[in-house]
């Protein structure tokens, strides 16, 4: 008999398979369609009878460009009605297990919580943990700031963030019926999901709705000022050849086409915006004075979440994944121009990196600079900020295992750590990124550390040395590799080169 659980909006029926009870496609908010488009999420009205929760719900409107490489080769089945979450639990009982809530990545324009890489079965079976994965609105529908055009849309630049908070509200109110503990929730995410985690740490409306946090390749610097976000909005309106009323009445395909054009214009430098965003992405959180009263990194530094243990880290060669798609930087002039797009005084920065990496090519120098600019330095800043309030429970890692795919050109690239964290190395598409025969022992190591942290706030694993807290005086960092180790202040020369730059 498949289990039925009563939630605060109605009864749902899941499926019990191989020791994991799955409830999929569960609505956690009302459909953000029609008059709710570009508005904050609202509570779901509920339903009569029993809702079939054995199939994943539709995903947010997107191109799906990034999904083929992570096990979803077909075009995504998207809809504006996309606010669904999925629960995996060992049993429907009152055991009050730790809960892990996964926020997917995808540059704030792609992704879903329901892909094979994110299968939480390992955490459920081996860790006795309840795992929740969520969708949230993406691209323009979730992150387009319209407050400069109409105060009724003051929060529109953060509606994706508000969706995530609505999901956390649902977890708080309902997860005990699925065997989870509402007061022991760990939020974790990668890339845009980790940037969301970092932002939630400094978002007043999220306060008290999670107990621990893990940010993989993302931190708290990916926010923009309203003026920069308005540039993106105005460019998108120009693409649809209309004003706010035209946007409100446009079909999702038209919005998606305009959004894609704006993304291309941003990546090529034709559209100048997001000057305060570490990633340079056209869509993402906005310090709008409504949802985000101040930059989340500043809020964390000043003690917005003083009781929250934190793991934050990056991969050694994050930028290699993007370099493979964008082409090489093959001469000194091109290197200086590219670096000049992301920071002032590019010459002095390049000089410091050349001293640290004397044999690197121009392309390798650019990759190292961009890895640090977008990912590693913001992660360090977040660890510095939170360790002031959680000196014993703030932890830093550097993932160093190098992929063998693409003739080794990826190195320890962006997203490579995900199947190790979830211990899903056997899932479809994983070998496209990891290469053949990735080390199962490393997956065991990371999976155990994340499980331990979700249970106790301390990442312990028998497969690695004891992991000391970060602390800005020691800067202890766990290096995850075939043989994991602890190092103090790795890449210190490069870190210091960013002083007063981020």
Foldseek 3Di string as FASTA:
>chain_A
DFDWFAAPQGIETFHDDDQKTKFAFAALFDQCDAVNFLHATHHDNHDPDYHYRHDHDFAADAQQPPVCLQACVDGGRHDSRHWGKMKIASAQDQQAAFEEEEEEDDLQGDDFQDGLLNDQVCCHPVLRYMYMYTHFHGFQRQAQACCVPPVNSLCSRHNRLSSVLSVLVSCLRGVSSRNHHQQQYEYEYEHLSLCSQQCLLQWLSNPSSHAAYEREQHHQQAEFEPVQSVLLNVQLCVQQPHDPVCVSPDDSVSSNVSRVVSQVCQVVVVRDGSLRGLQSGNGDHYCSCPRNVDRSLVSLLVPSPLRYFYEYEYEQQACLVVCVVVDFDADDVSLQVVQVSNWPPSVVLLVLLCVVVVVDGSRRSSRNLSSCSRGVLNRVSSLQRNCVRVVFQYFYAYEFAFAPAPVRSQGRYGPLCSCLLSVSCVHPSNCNHRPPDDDSLLSQQNVQQVSVCSRPSARDDPQAPGTGHQDPVFRWYWYRYPHIYIDTCPPVSSSVSCVVTD
